[in-house]
Amino acid sequence: MATSDTIQYLSAGDKGATSNRRVTETFYAGGAIVIGDVVCFDTSQTGADRVSHVVQADTGAAATQQAIGIMISHDGSGTDAAADDRVVVVVKGYAEGANVDANTVEGSVLVAGGTAGQAALYDGDADADYLPFAQALEADTANAADVWVFGLFS
């Protein structure tokens, strides 16, 4: 008998959480991560753990400059996820309240920034070594904006 897993659906309920047509993946935190932070694979791990753990994306090091999504929840206590907490990351689709640069406007294309966990505006010349991962759906308010994650690997 055939089975099906619905990953996209519409609902008349909470449109921000259910009708957004997003794909999420669960990872383990490689360190402290705040809800809304931009994350990347934790390549300081070994073996397959390099792609089962995520850390805040940051262009300060080559290992953390390729963003993969936005962390939206975790199973730890408090606001921040701690190392080894399970975290849910939007890897494709709509993410509310992403941590973005203060110069973000509607339509800005985003990459990992120089501040850990924060998206920056894409500059094709300066950022040629890695791919943009999202587009802002609105201008930032206090460094937060709703974004559409492109889905680099989903």
C-alpha atoms as a PDB file:
ATOM      1  CA  MET A   1       0.000   0.000   0.000  1.00  0.00           C
ATOM      2  CA  ALA A   2       1.309   3.448  -0.862  1.00  0.00           C
ATOM      3  CA  THR A   3       2.031   5.989   1.856  1.00  0.00           C
ATOM      4  CA  SER A   4       2.398   9.747   1.761  1.00  0.00           C
ATOM      5  CA  ASP A   5       4.075  12.383   3.923  1.00  0.00           C
ATOM      6  CA  THR A   6       2.549  15.815   3.424  1.00  0.00           C
ATOM      7  CA  ILE A   7       5.181  18.517   3.781  1.00  0.00           C
ATOM      8  CA  GLN A   8       3.203  21.382   2.265  1.00  0.00           C
ATOM      9  CA  TYR A   9      -0.369  22.104   3.167  1.00  0.00           C
ATOM     10  CA  LEU A  10      -2.919  24.886   3.510  1.00  0.00           C
ATOM     11  CA  SER A  11      -4.909  25.668   6.600  1.00  0.00           C
ATOM     12  CA  ALA A  12      -7.360  28.346   7.638  1.00  0.00           C
ATOM     13  CA  GLY A  13      -5.674  28.375  11.077  1.00  0.00           C
ATOM     14  CA  ASP A  14      -2.409  30.074  11.989  1.00  0.00           C
ATOM     15  CA  LYS A  15      -1.231  31.169   8.555  1.00  0.00           C
ATOM     16  CA  GLY A  16       2.301  31.973   9.786  1.00  0.00           C
ATOM     17  CA  ALA A  17       2.836  28.436  11.007  1.00  0.00           C
ATOM     18  CA  THR A  18       0.755  26.268   8.686  1.00  0.00           C
ATOM     19  CA  SER A  19       0.106  27.877   5.332  1.00  0.00           C
ATOM     20  CA  ASN A  20       3.622  28.983   4.628  1.00  0.00           C
ATOM     21  CA  ARG A  21       4.770  26.133   2.404  1.00  0.00           C
ATOM     22  CA  ARG A  22       8.048  25.613   4.189  1.00  0.00           C
ATOM     23  CA  VAL A  23      10.362  22.648   4.620  1.00  0.00           C
ATOM     24  CA  THR A  24      12.054  22.128   7.969  1.00  0.00           C
ATOM     25  CA  GLU A  25      14.811  19.803   9.133  1.00  0.00           C
ATOM     26  CA  THR A  26      15.789  18.868  12.681  1.00  0.00           C
ATOM     27  CA  PHE A  27      19.447  19.147  13.663  1.00  0.00           C
ATOM     28  CA  TYR A  28      21.486  19.275  16.864  1.00  0.00           C
ATOM     29  CA  ALA A  29      22.917  22.604  17.995  1.00  0.00           C
ATOM     30  CA  GLY A  30      26.699  22.765  17.931  1.00  0.00           C
ATOM     31  CA  GLY A  31      26.551  25.655  20.417  1.00  0.00           C
ATOM     32  CA  ALA A  32      24.283  28.511  21.490  1.00  0.00           C
ATOM     33  CA  ILE A  33      21.777  29.538  18.789  1.00  0.00           C
ATOM     34  CA  VAL A  34      18.932  32.060  19.177  1.00  0.00           C
ATOM     35  CA  ILE A  35      15.538  31.604  17.496  1.00  0.00           C
ATOM     36  CA  GLY A  36      15.720  33.489  14.175  1.00  0.00           C
ATOM     37  CA  ASP A  37      19.461  32.981  13.756  1.00  0.00           C
ATOM     38  CA  VAL A  38      21.003  32.053  10.416  1.00  0.00           C
ATOM     39  CA  VAL A  39      22.696  28.651  10.665  1.00  0.00           C
ATOM     40  CA  CYS A  40      25.185  26.525   8.747  1.00  0.00           C
ATOM     41  CA  PHE A  41      26.539  22.986   9.064  1.00  0.00           C
ATOM     42  CA  ASP A  42      28.932  22.436  11.988  1.00  0.00           C
ATOM     43  CA  THR A  43      31.982  21.167  10.129  1.00  0.00           C
ATOM     44  CA  SER A  44      34.019  21.074  13.367  1.00  0.00           C
ATOM     45  CA  GLN A  45      32.222  17.775  14.053  1.00  0.00           C
ATOM     46  CA  THR A  46      33.449  14.493  12.577  1.00  0.00           C
ATOM     47  CA  GLY A  47      31.887  12.070  10.110  1.00  0.00           C
ATOM     48  CA  ALA A  48      28.165  12.413   9.474  1.00  0.00           C
ATOM     49  CA  ASP A  49      27.808  14.653  12.539  1.00  0.00           C
ATOM     50  CA  ARG A  50      29.095  17.488  10.335  1.00  0.00           C
ATOM     51  CA  VAL A  51      25.676  17.584   8.654  1.00  0.00           C
ATOM     52  CA  SER A  52      23.532  16.625  11.655  1.00  0.00           C
ATOM     53  CA  HIS A  53      24.761  19.590  13.749  1.00  0.00           C
ATOM     54  CA  VAL A  54      24.402  23.317  12.997  1.00  0.00           C
ATOM     55  CA  VAL A  55      25.986  26.488  14.366  1.00  0.00           C
ATOM     56  CA  GLN A  56      25.438  30.191  13.812  1.00  0.00           C
ATOM     57  CA  ALA A  57      26.561  31.146  10.307  1.00  0.00           C
ATOM     58  CA  ASP A  58      29.371  33.706  10.203  1.00  0.00           C
ATOM     59  CA  THR A  59      31.580  34.896   7.347  1.00  0.00           C
ATOM     60  CA  GLY A  60      34.474  35.234   9.782  1.00  0.00           C
ATOM     61  CA  ALA A  61      35.567  31.674   8.949  1.00  0.00           C
ATOM     62  CA  ALA A  62      35.309  29.664   5.735  1.00  0.00           C
ATOM     63  CA  ALA A  63      33.707  26.743   7.613  1.00  0.00           C
ATOM     64  CA  THR A  64      30.715  28.834   8.728  1.00  0.00           C
ATOM     65  CA  GLN A  65      30.056  31.139   5.781  1.00  0.00           C
ATOM     66  CA  GLN A  66      27.544  29.029   3.793  1.00  0.00           C
ATOM     67  CA  ALA A  67      24.140  29.559   5.404  1.00  0.00           C
ATOM     68  CA  ILE A  68      21.552  26.785   5.032  1.00  0.00           C
ATOM     69  CA  GLY A  69      18.512  28.222   6.838  1.00  0.00           C
ATOM     70  CA  ILE A  70      16.874  29.880   9.844  1.00  0.00           C
ATOM     71  CA  MET A  71      16.505  28.218  13.269  1.00  0.00           C
ATOM     72  CA  ILE A  72      12.855  28.577  14.360  1.00  0.00           C
ATOM     73  CA  SER A  73      12.584  26.427  17.510  1.00  0.00           C
ATOM     74  CA  HIS A  74      14.453  24.125  19.864  1.00  0.00           C
ATOM     75  CA  ASP A  75      13.781  21.622  22.624  1.00  0.00           C
ATOM     76  CA  GLY A  76      15.966  23.282  25.286  1.00  0.00           C
ATOM     77  CA  SER A  77      14.991  25.734  27.980  1.00  0.00           C
ATOM     78  CA  GLY A  78      15.212  29.499  27.650  1.00  0.00           C
ATOM     79  CA  THR A  79      15.459  31.622  24.532  1.00  0.00           C
ATOM     80  CA  ASP A  80      18.715  30.191  23.236  1.00  0.00           C
ATOM     81  CA  ALA A  81      19.381  26.648  22.130  1.00  0.00           C
ATOM     82  CA  ALA A  82      22.403  25.162  23.879  1.00  0.00           C
ATOM     83  CA  ALA A  83      24.879  22.634  22.533  1.00  0.00           C
ATOM     84  CA  ASP A  84      23.203  19.310  21.696  1.00  0.00           C
ATOM     85  CA  ASP A  85      19.624  20.676  21.898  1.00  0.00           C
ATOM     86  CA  ARG A  86      17.500  19.559  18.956  1.00  0.00           C
ATOM     87  CA  VAL A  87      16.728  22.547  16.734  1.00  0.00           C
ATOM     88  CA  VAL A  88      14.250  22.982  13.895  1.00  0.00           C
ATOM     89  CA  VAL A  89      15.591  24.868  10.874  1.00  0.00           C
ATOM     90  CA  VAL A  90      13.640  26.218   7.902  1.00  0.00           C
ATOM     91  CA  VAL A  91      15.714  24.974   4.966  1.00  0.00           C
ATOM     92  CA  LYS A  92      13.226  26.078   2.308  1.00  0.00           C
ATOM     93  CA  GLY A  93      10.284  28.467   2.427  1.00  0.00           C
ATOM     94  CA  TYR A  94       8.898  31.032   4.830  1.00  0.00           C
ATOM     95  CA  ALA A  95      10.648  31.940   8.095  1.00  0.00           C
ATOM     96  CA  GLU A  96       9.338  34.635  10.431  1.00  0.00           C
ATOM     97  CA  GLY A  97      11.595  36.960  12.388  1.00  0.00           C
ATOM     98  CA  ALA A  98      14.974  36.091  10.873  1.00  0.00           C
ATOM     99  CA  ASN A  99      18.020  37.861  12.334  1.00  0.00           C
ATOM    100  CA  VAL A 100      19.021  40.286   9.541  1.00  0.00           C
ATOM    101  CA  ASP A 101      21.278  43.288   8.937  1.00  0.00           C
ATOM    102  CA  ALA A 102      19.774  46.688   9.820  1.00  0.00           C
ATOM    103  CA  ASN A 103      19.997  47.763   6.149  1.00  0.00           C
ATOM    104  CA  THR A 104      17.637  44.997   4.975  1.00  0.00           C
ATOM    105  CA  VAL A 105      14.781  46.152   2.774  1.00  0.00           C
ATOM    106  CA  GLU A 106      11.994  44.211   1.087  1.00  0.00           C
ATOM    107  CA  GLY A 107      13.559  42.160  -1.693  1.00  0.00           C
ATOM    108  CA  SER A 108      17.101  42.125  -0.294  1.00  0.00           C
ATOM    109  CA  VAL A 109      18.985  38.950  -1.196  1.00  0.00           C
ATOM    110  CA  LEU A 110      20.745  37.561   1.881  1.00  0.00           C
ATOM    111  CA  VAL A 111      23.885  35.624   2.805  1.00  0.00           C
ATOM    112  CA  ALA A 112      25.606  34.810   6.095  1.00  0.00           C
ATOM    113  CA  GLY A 113      26.972  37.975   7.686  1.00  0.00           C
ATOM    114  CA  GLY A 114      29.994  39.012   9.707  1.00  0.00           C
ATOM    115  CA  THR A 115      27.941  38.911  12.904  1.00  0.00           C
ATOM    116  CA  ALA A 116      27.375  35.307  13.996  1.00  0.00           C
ATOM    117  CA  GLY A 117      23.785  34.239  13.292  1.00  0.00           C
ATOM    118  CA  GLN A 118      22.864  37.358  11.325  1.00  0.00           C
ATOM    119  CA  ALA A 119      22.101  37.556   7.601  1.00  0.00           C
ATOM    120  CA  ALA A 120      23.783  40.271   5.564  1.00  0.00           C
ATOM    121  CA  LEU A 121      22.952  41.851   2.220  1.00  0.00           C
ATOM    122  CA  TYR A 122      24.351  39.905  -0.739  1.00  0.00           C
ATOM    123  CA  ASP A 123      27.137  41.610  -2.673  1.00  0.00           C
ATOM    124  CA  GLY A 124      27.945  39.597  -5.805  1.00  0.00           C
ATOM    125  CA  ASP A 125      31.563  40.772  -5.874  1.00  0.00           C
ATOM    126  CA  ALA A 126      32.414  40.413  -2.175  1.00  0.00           C
ATOM    127  CA  ASP A 127      30.329  37.289  -1.587  1.00  0.00           C
ATOM    128  CA  ALA A 128      31.291  35.307  -4.701  1.00  0.00           C
ATOM    129  CA  ASP A 129      32.635  32.362  -2.649  1.00  0.00           C
ATOM    130  CA  TYR A 130      29.225  31.292  -1.307  1.00  0.00           C
ATOM    131  CA  LEU A 131      25.594  31.232  -2.333  1.00  0.00           C
ATOM    132  CA  PRO A 132      22.806  33.555  -1.242  1.00  0.00           C
ATOM    133  CA  PHE A 133      20.321  31.549   0.820  1.00  0.00           C
ATOM    134  CA  ALA A 134      17.254  33.794   1.295  1.00  0.00           C
ATOM    135  CA  GLN A 135      15.315  36.897   0.242  1.00  0.00           C
ATOM    136  CA  ALA A 136      13.762  39.415   2.629  1.00  0.00           C
ATOM    137  CA  LEU A 137       9.980  39.682   2.336  1.00  0.00           C
ATOM    138  CA  GLU A 138       9.949  42.977   4.252  1.00  0.00           C
ATOM    139  CA  ALA A 139      12.264  45.657   5.610  1.00  0.00           C
ATOM    140  CA  ASP A 140      13.827  44.839   8.962  1.00  0.00           C
ATOM    141  CA  THR A 141      12.401  46.042  12.243  1.00  0.00           C
ATOM    142  CA  ALA A 142      15.057  45.986  14.972  1.00  0.00           C
ATOM    143  CA  ASN A 143      17.160  43.529  12.908  1.00  0.00           C
ATOM    144  CA  ALA A 144      14.288  41.089  12.329  1.00  0.00           C
ATOM    145  CA  ALA A 145      12.455  40.379   9.071  1.00  0.00           C
ATOM    146  CA  ASP A 146      10.371  37.637   7.518  1.00  0.00           C
ATOM    147  CA  VAL A 147      12.325  35.863   4.772  1.00  0.00           C
ATOM    148  CA  TRP A 148      11.966  33.224   2.083  1.00  0.00           C
ATOM    149  CA  VAL A 149      14.727  30.605   2.284  1.00  0.00           C
ATOM    150  CA  PHE A 150      15.685  29.401  -1.193  1.00  0.00           C
ATOM    151  CA  GLY A 151      16.312  25.749  -0.321  1.00  0.00           C
ATOM    152  CA  LEU A 152      19.888  24.980  -1.256  1.00  0.00           C
ATOM    153  CA  PHE A 153      19.735  21.260  -0.518  1.00  0.00           C
ATOM    154  CA  SER A 154      16.175  20.183   0.206  1.00  0.00           C
END
